[in-house]
C-alpha atoms as a PDB file:
ATOM      1  CA  UNK A   1     206.311 128.875 -31.551  1.00  0.00           C
ATOM      2  CA  UNK A   2     207.541 126.332 -29.075  1.00  0.00           C
ATOM      3  CA  UNK A   3     210.796 126.728 -27.194  1.00  0.00           C
ATOM      4  CA  UNK A   4     212.525 123.917 -29.097  1.00  0.00           C
ATOM      5  CA  UNK A   5     212.011 125.703 -32.416  1.00  0.00           C
ATOM      6  CA  UNK A   6     213.185 129.032 -31.012  1.00  0.00           C
ATOM      7  CA  UNK A   7     216.231 127.279 -29.559  1.00  0.00           C
ATOM      8  CA  UNK A   8     216.831 125.560 -32.898  1.00  0.00           C
ATOM      9  CA  UNK A   9     216.734 128.822 -34.829  1.00  0.00           C
ATOM     10  CA  UNK A  10     219.037 130.496 -32.289  1.00  0.00           C
ATOM     11  CA  UNK A  11     221.520 127.620 -32.496  1.00  0.00           C
ATOM     12  CA  UNK A  12     221.475 127.698 -36.297  1.00  0.00           C
ATOM     13  CA  UNK A  13     222.024 131.459 -36.436  1.00  0.00           C
ATOM     14  CA  UNK A  14     224.820 131.155 -33.878  1.00  0.00           C
ATOM     15  CA  UNK A  15     226.566 128.424 -35.867  1.00  0.00           C
ATOM     16  CA  UNK A  16     226.252 130.353 -39.137  1.00  0.00           C
ATOM     17  CA  UNK A  17     227.700 133.533 -37.593  1.00  0.00           C
ATOM     18  CA  UNK A  18     230.508 131.561 -35.951  1.00  0.00           C
ATOM     19  CA  UNK A  19     231.319 129.742 -39.203  1.00  0.00           C
ATOM     20  CA  UNK A  20     231.413 133.092 -41.033  1.00  0.00           C
ATOM     21  CA  UNK A  21     233.943 134.308 -38.441  1.00  0.00           C
ATOM     22  CA  UNK A  22     231.843 137.328 -37.530  1.00  0.00           C
ATOM     23  CA  UNK A  23     230.061 136.159 -34.380  1.00  0.00           C
ATOM     24  CA  UNK A  24     230.843 139.211 -32.240  1.00  0.00           C
ATOM     25  CA  UNK A  25     229.736 141.724 -34.845  1.00  0.00           C
ATOM     26  CA  UNK A  26     226.656 139.757 -35.921  1.00  0.00           C
ATOM     27  CA  UNK A  27     225.630 139.176 -32.308  1.00  0.00           C
ATOM     28  CA  UNK A  28     225.827 142.908 -31.566  1.00  0.00           C
ATOM     29  CA  UNK A  29     223.923 143.868 -34.723  1.00  0.00           C
ATOM     30  CA  UNK A  30     221.213 141.287 -34.060  1.00  0.00           C
ATOM     31  CA  UNK A  31     220.841 142.503 -30.471  1.00  0.00           C
ATOM     32  CA  UNK A  32     220.381 146.100 -31.658  1.00  0.00           C
ATOM     33  CA  UNK A  33     217.914 144.996 -34.329  1.00  0.00           C
ATOM     34  CA  UNK A  34     215.853 143.045 -31.774  1.00  0.00           C
ATOM     35  CA  UNK A  35     215.605 146.081 -29.484  1.00  0.00           C
ATOM     36  CA  UNK A  36     214.540 148.284 -32.438  1.00  0.00           C
ATOM     37  CA  UNK A  37     212.006 145.650 -33.457  1.00  0.00           C
ATOM     38  CA  UNK A  38     210.546 145.539 -29.939  1.00  0.00           C
ATOM     39  CA  UNK A  39     210.204 149.315 -29.732  1.00  0.00           C
ATOM     40  CA  UNK A  40     208.590 149.867 -33.146  1.00  0.00           C
ATOM     41  CA  UNK A  41     204.995 148.763 -33.668  1.00  0.00           C
ATOM     42  CA  UNK A  42     205.209 149.626 -37.363  1.00  0.00           C
ATOM     43  CA  UNK A  43     208.297 147.465 -37.918  1.00  0.00           C
ATOM     44  CA  UNK A  44     206.899 144.594 -35.870  1.00  0.00           C
ATOM     45  CA  UNK A  45     203.604 144.704 -37.789  1.00  0.00           C
ATOM     46  CA  UNK A  46     205.339 144.872 -41.178  1.00  0.00           C
ATOM     47  CA  UNK A  47     207.567 141.889 -40.453  1.00  0.00           C
ATOM     48  CA  UNK A  48     204.868 139.687 -38.945  1.00  0.00           C
ATOM     49  CA  UNK A  49     201.862 140.442 -41.163  1.00  0.00           C
ATOM     50  CA  UNK A  50     200.968 137.254 -43.054  1.00  0.00           C
ATOM     51  CA  UNK A  51     199.062 139.351 -45.598  1.00  0.00           C
ATOM     52  CA  UNK A  52     202.392 140.818 -46.761  1.00  0.00           C
ATOM     53  CA  UNK A  53     204.231 138.346 -49.006  1.00  0.00           C
ATOM     54  CA  UNK A  54     207.419 136.876 -47.539  1.00  0.00           C
ATOM     55  CA  UNK A  55     209.498 138.404 -50.336  1.00  0.00           C
ATOM     56  CA  UNK A  56     208.181 141.880 -49.446  1.00  0.00           C
ATOM     57  CA  UNK A  57     208.937 141.359 -45.735  1.00  0.00           C
ATOM     58  CA  UNK A  58     212.454 140.250 -46.680  1.00  0.00           C
ATOM     59  CA  UNK A  59     212.844 143.330 -48.886  1.00  0.00           C
ATOM     60  CA  UNK A  60     211.904 145.489 -45.874  1.00  0.00           C
ATOM     61  CA  UNK A  61     214.668 143.831 -43.842  1.00  0.00           C
ATOM     62  CA  UNK A  62     217.184 144.312 -46.636  1.00  0.00           C
ATOM     63  CA  UNK A  63     216.218 147.989 -47.018  1.00  0.00           C
ATOM     64  CA  UNK A  64     216.554 148.552 -43.266  1.00  0.00           C
ATOM     65  CA  UNK A  65     219.808 146.696 -42.717  1.00  0.00           C
ATOM     66  CA  UNK A  66     221.510 146.884 -46.107  1.00  0.00           C
ATOM     67  CA  UNK A  67     224.718 148.905 -45.739  1.00  0.00           C
ATOM     68  CA  UNK A  68     224.163 149.363 -41.997  1.00  0.00           C
ATOM     69  CA  UNK A  69     224.851 145.778 -40.962  1.00  0.00           C
ATOM     70  CA  UNK A  70     227.020 142.953 -42.181  1.00  0.00           C
ATOM     71  CA  UNK A  71     225.631 140.846 -45.029  1.00  0.00           C
ATOM     72  CA  UNK A  72     225.485 137.908 -42.602  1.00  0.00           C
ATOM     73  CA  UNK A  73     223.215 139.804 -40.197  1.00  0.00           C
ATOM     74  CA  UNK A  74     220.955 140.969 -43.024  1.00  0.00           C
ATOM     75  CA  UNK A  75     220.684 137.454 -44.450  1.00  0.00           C
ATOM     76  CA  UNK A  76     219.983 135.869 -41.048  1.00  0.00           C
ATOM     77  CA  UNK A  77     217.169 138.291 -40.193  1.00  0.00           C
ATOM     78  CA  UNK A  78     215.793 137.973 -43.718  1.00  0.00           C
ATOM     79  CA  UNK A  79     215.796 134.180 -43.429  1.00  0.00           C
ATOM     80  CA  UNK A  80     213.869 134.215 -40.133  1.00  0.00           C
ATOM     81  CA  UNK A  81     211.341 136.762 -41.408  1.00  0.00           C
ATOM     82  CA  UNK A  82     210.960 134.927 -44.721  1.00  0.00           C
ATOM     83  CA  UNK A  83     210.199 131.680 -42.916  1.00  0.00           C
ATOM     84  CA  UNK A  84     207.305 133.354 -41.092  1.00  0.00           C
ATOM     85  CA  UNK A  85     209.042 133.536 -37.719  1.00  0.00           C
ATOM     86  CA  UNK A  86     209.283 137.327 -37.468  1.00  0.00           C
ATOM     87  CA  UNK A  87     207.294 137.427 -34.240  1.00  0.00           C
ATOM     88  CA  UNK A  88     209.910 135.193 -32.603  1.00  0.00           C
ATOM     89  CA  UNK A  89     212.913 137.325 -33.620  1.00  0.00           C
ATOM     90  CA  UNK A  90     213.569 138.887 -30.181  1.00  0.00           C
ATOM     91  CA  UNK A  91     213.417 135.510 -28.413  1.00  0.00           C
ATOM     92  CA  UNK A  92     215.639 133.862 -31.024  1.00  0.00           C
ATOM     93  CA  UNK A  93     218.168 136.696 -30.872  1.00  0.00           C
ATOM     94  CA  UNK A  94     218.211 136.804 -27.054  1.00  0.00           C
ATOM     95  CA  UNK A  95     219.046 133.090 -26.967  1.00  0.00           C
ATOM     96  CA  UNK A  96     221.742 133.609 -29.603  1.00  0.00           C
ATOM     97  CA  UNK A  97     223.275 136.474 -27.566  1.00  0.00           C
ATOM     98  CA  UNK A  98     223.249 134.342 -24.411  1.00  0.00           C
ATOM     99  CA  UNK A  99     224.831 131.429 -26.306  1.00  0.00           C
ATOM    100  CA  UNK A 100     227.528 133.697 -27.793  1.00  0.00           C
ATOM    101  CA  UNK A 101     228.308 135.175 -24.374  1.00  0.00           C
ATOM    102  CA  UNK A 102     228.422 131.745 -22.787  1.00  0.00           C
ATOM    103  CA  UNK A 103     230.867 130.559 -25.458  1.00  0.00           C
ATOM    104  CA  UNK A 104     233.216 133.331 -24.260  1.00  0.00           C
ATOM    105  CA  UNK A 105     232.526 132.624 -20.563  1.00  0.00           C
ATOM    106  CA  UNK A 106     230.674 135.913 -20.197  1.00  0.00           C
ATOM    107  CA  UNK A 107     227.308 136.858 -18.722  1.00  0.00           C
ATOM    108  CA  UNK A 108     225.024 139.154 -20.764  1.00  0.00           C
ATOM    109  CA  UNK A 109     224.622 142.574 -19.139  1.00  0.00           C
ATOM    110  CA  UNK A 110     221.960 144.843 -20.597  1.00  0.00           C
ATOM    111  CA  UNK A 111     222.242 148.519 -19.699  1.00  0.00           C
ATOM    112  CA  UNK A 112     219.446 150.957 -20.510  1.00  0.00           C
ATOM    113  CA  UNK A 113     220.515 154.592 -20.730  1.00  0.00           C
ATOM    114  CA  UNK A 114     218.844 157.804 -21.870  1.00  0.00           C
ATOM    115  CA  UNK A 115     221.750 158.675 -24.187  1.00  0.00           C
ATOM    116  CA  UNK A 116     224.430 156.669 -25.996  1.00  0.00           C
ATOM    117  CA  UNK A 117     227.565 155.939 -23.968  1.00  0.00           C
ATOM    118  CA  UNK A 118     231.083 156.725 -25.089  1.00  0.00           C
ATOM    119  CA  UNK A 119     233.510 153.801 -25.403  1.00  0.00           C
ATOM    120  CA  UNK A 120     235.225 154.962 -22.193  1.00  0.00           C
ATOM    121  CA  UNK A 121     231.898 155.033 -20.336  1.00  0.00           C
ATOM    122  CA  UNK A 122     231.077 151.551 -21.638  1.00  0.00           C
ATOM    123  CA  UNK A 123     234.454 150.250 -20.425  1.00  0.00           C
ATOM    124  CA  UNK A 124     233.926 151.769 -16.969  1.00  0.00           C
ATOM    125  CA  UNK A 125     230.374 150.420 -16.781  1.00  0.00           C
ATOM    126  CA  UNK A 126     231.547 146.962 -17.862  1.00  0.00           C
ATOM    127  CA  UNK A 127     234.200 147.007 -15.121  1.00  0.00           C
ATOM    128  CA  UNK A 128     231.718 148.273 -12.502  1.00  0.00           C
ATOM    129  CA  UNK A 129     229.168 145.568 -13.375  1.00  0.00           C
ATOM    130  CA  UNK A 130     231.848 142.890 -13.304  1.00  0.00           C
ATOM    131  CA  UNK A 131     232.942 144.144  -9.885  1.00  0.00           C
ATOM    132  CA  UNK A 132     229.369 144.331  -8.564  1.00  0.00           C
ATOM    133  CA  UNK A 133     228.321 140.895  -9.811  1.00  0.00           C
ATOM    134  CA  UNK A 134     231.600 138.995  -9.678  1.00  0.00           C
ATOM    135  CA  UNK A 135     231.078 137.924 -13.301  1.00  0.00           C
ATOM    136  CA  UNK A 136     232.751 138.994 -16.515  1.00  0.00           C
ATOM    137  CA  UNK A 137     230.102 140.615 -18.683  1.00  0.00           C
ATOM    138  CA  UNK A 138     229.205 141.080 -22.338  1.00  0.00           C
ATOM    139  CA  UNK A 139     227.768 144.611 -22.163  1.00  0.00           C
ATOM    140  CA  UNK A 140     224.820 145.487 -24.390  1.00  0.00           C
ATOM    141  CA  UNK A 141     223.698 149.112 -24.220  1.00  0.00           C
ATOM    142  CA  UNK A 142     220.134 150.064 -25.156  1.00  0.00           C
ATOM    143  CA  UNK A 143     219.278 153.744 -25.549  1.00  0.00           C
ATOM    144  CA  UNK A 144     215.910 154.233 -23.854  1.00  0.00           C
ATOM    145  CA  UNK A 145     214.754 157.854 -23.413  1.00  0.00           C
ATOM    146  CA  UNK A 146     212.201 156.782 -20.775  1.00  0.00           C
ATOM    147  CA  UNK A 147     215.127 156.256 -18.385  1.00  0.00           C
ATOM    148  CA  UNK A 148     215.514 160.103 -18.316  1.00  0.00           C
ATOM    149  CA  UNK A 149     219.052 159.817 -16.930  1.00  0.00           C
ATOM    150  CA  UNK A 150     221.270 157.324 -15.157  1.00  0.00           C
ATOM    151  CA  UNK A 151     221.357 153.612 -15.937  1.00  0.00           C
ATOM    152  CA  UNK A 152     219.265 150.499 -15.423  1.00  0.00           C
ATOM    153  CA  UNK A 153     221.510 147.437 -15.687  1.00  0.00           C
ATOM    154  CA  UNK A 154     220.410 143.812 -15.762  1.00  0.00           C
ATOM    155  CA  UNK A 155     222.875 140.951 -15.338  1.00  0.00           C
ATOM    156  CA  UNK A 156     221.092 137.614 -15.224  1.00  0.00           C
ATOM    157  CA  UNK A 157     218.460 137.991 -12.496  1.00  0.00           C
ATOM    158  CA  UNK A 158     220.182 140.995 -10.892  1.00  0.00           C
ATOM    159  CA  UNK A 159     218.767 144.445 -11.651  1.00  0.00           C
ATOM    160  CA  UNK A 160     220.700 147.552 -10.660  1.00  0.00           C
ATOM    161  CA  UNK A 161     218.464 150.606 -11.056  1.00  0.00           C
ATOM    162  CA  UNK A 162     220.307 153.906 -10.884  1.00  0.00           C
ATOM    163  CA  UNK A 163     217.882 155.792 -13.096  1.00  0.00           C
ATOM    164  CA  UNK A 164     216.624 159.302 -12.523  1.00  0.00           C
ATOM    165  CA  UNK A 165     213.062 158.057 -13.094  1.00  0.00           C
ATOM    166  CA  UNK A 166     213.343 155.632 -10.152  1.00  0.00           C
ATOM    167  CA  UNK A 167     214.881 158.272  -7.922  1.00  0.00           C
ATOM    168  CA  UNK A 168     212.057 160.684  -8.793  1.00  0.00           C
ATOM    169  CA  UNK A 169     209.475 157.972  -8.071  1.00  0.00           C
ATOM    170  CA  UNK A 170     211.141 157.287  -4.709  1.00  0.00           C
ATOM    171  CA  UNK A 171     211.106 161.000  -3.907  1.00  0.00           C
ATOM    172  CA  UNK A 172     207.395 161.225  -4.806  1.00  0.00           C
ATOM    173  CA  UNK A 173     206.678 158.287  -2.516  1.00  0.00           C
ATOM    174  CA  UNK A 174     208.469 159.972   0.386  1.00  0.00           C
ATOM    175  CA  UNK A 175     206.527 163.190  -0.083  1.00  0.00           C
END
């Protein structure tokens, strides 16, 4: 799909979530859904397979998100999947997240960790990234076991890699 359509979907989803008064919650739920979608071949295949009727793909979304996400989030994902744009979900959602952050004068900061962070750890990380980059950040944490330990943070074009995997790779290179 071309960038204008992706941008159009992202803008529409943003405006719907804002009008519903649940932008922050919907944005966070959509971000988490997009990361799950990207990491699961089975989910990605189920939601993008044209051989599966749109109603069945929408039912999959509703089964996955129903009760775990706001009705707005469930309906937005269902709408995109039902319109045959499931393969563009991550791109649409990433633009929506950036737009939502920009509306609050924040920069999106994605942190990949091996384990979930506590609220206190998230607050400290948010403050550390703001201090390191000079920007206020909208922190999005992605649990990624391949990190092994530590954190890989991305703020705009800046990547801060404090992961155990990278340190082990650096140690291997020295030996």
